[in-house]
Amino acid sequence: MPVVHIDAPPGIRPEAKKRMMEKIHAALSEVYQPIETLIFLQEYGPEMVAENGRLQSENPKVLEGVERARSV
């Protein structure tokens, strides 16, 4: 059974998360038959993630991406 872990910023609407999970399952189903999958989504706010010592909550590109995800 494939197990998928996704670490992502928060804000994706529930219906978008559902579509994402369905598409991930469908992609795995093309390779593994028959298939059961476990998909774990862990959301981390930009204030909980740093790149090169800089909080992502201070990164305009990250904040723009989070806002785009919320509008999907």
Protein backbone atom coordinates (compact mmCIF):
# COMPACT_ATOMS: atom_id res chain seq x y z
CA MET A 1 0.00 0.00 0.00
CA PRO A 2 1.53 3.33 -1.02
CA VAL A 3 1.70 5.97 1.71
CA VAL A 4 1.98 9.62 0.71
CA HIS A 5 3.02 12.42 3.06
CA ILE A 6 2.41 16.00 1.99
CA ASP A 7 3.79 18.96 3.95
CA ALA A 8 2.11 22.12 2.77
CA PRO A 9 1.06 25.58 3.84
CA PRO A 10 -2.45 25.91 5.27
CA GLY A 11 -5.36 27.55 3.56
CA ILE A 12 -6.42 25.15 0.84
CA ARG A 13 -10.20 24.93 0.84
CA PRO A 14 -11.72 21.54 1.74
CA GLU A 15 -13.08 20.93 -1.77
CA ALA A 16 -9.64 21.65 -3.27
CA LYS A 17 -8.04 19.22 -0.79
CA LYS A 18 -10.57 16.57 -1.82
CA ARG A 19 -9.76 17.05 -5.52
CA MET A 20 -6.03 16.90 -4.76
CA MET A 21 -6.40 13.63 -2.83
CA GLU A 22 -8.51 12.10 -5.61
CA LYS A 23 -5.92 13.06 -8.25
CA ILE A 24 -3.04 11.67 -6.18
CA HIS A 25 -4.95 8.42 -5.71
CA ALA A 26 -5.74 8.25 -9.43
CA ALA A 27 -2.08 8.80 -10.37
CA LEU A 28 -0.94 6.03 -8.02
CA SER A 29 -3.67 3.75 -9.35
CA GLU A 30 -2.10 3.95 -12.81
CA VAL A 31 1.04 2.30 -11.42
CA TYR A 32 -0.19 0.01 -8.64
CA GLN A 33 -3.15 -2.31 -9.27
CA PRO A 34 -5.23 -3.01 -7.20
CA ILE A 35 -4.54 -0.10 -4.94
CA GLU A 36 -5.31 1.20 -1.51
CA THR A 37 -3.55 4.39 -0.50
CA LEU A 38 -3.01 6.41 2.62
CA ILE A 39 -2.45 10.13 2.12
CA PHE A 40 -1.42 12.33 5.03
CA LEU A 41 -1.60 16.10 4.71
CA GLN A 42 0.28 18.07 7.34
CA GLU A 43 -0.16 21.82 7.15
CA TYR A 44 2.47 24.22 8.45
CA GLY A 45 1.91 27.95 8.62
CA PRO A 46 4.65 30.17 7.16
CA GLU A 47 5.60 31.21 10.68
CA MET A 48 6.51 27.56 11.42
CA VAL A 49 8.93 27.10 8.49
CA ALA A 50 12.32 28.66 7.81
CA GLU A 51 14.58 28.49 4.79
CA ASN A 52 18.21 29.45 5.30
CA GLY A 53 17.30 30.84 8.72
CA ARG A 54 14.55 33.12 7.39
CA LEU A 55 10.95 32.55 8.44
CA GLN A 56 8.71 32.01 5.46
CA SER A 57 6.21 34.41 7.01
CA GLU A 58 8.75 37.10 6.02
CA ASN A 59 9.02 35.85 2.42
CA PRO A 60 6.69 37.79 0.08
CA LYS A 61 6.75 35.01 -2.56
CA VAL A 62 5.61 32.41 -0.02
CA LEU A 63 2.86 34.69 1.30
CA GLU A 64 1.67 35.33 -2.26
CA GLY A 65 1.54 31.57 -2.92
CA VAL A 66 -0.45 30.98 0.26
CA GLU A 67 -2.97 33.63 -0.77
CA ARG A 68 -3.29 32.07 -4.26
CA ALA A 69 -3.94 28.65 -2.70
CA ARG A 70 -6.71 30.09 -0.56
CA SER A 71 -8.48 31.46 -3.62
CA VAL A 72 -8.48 28.14 -5.53
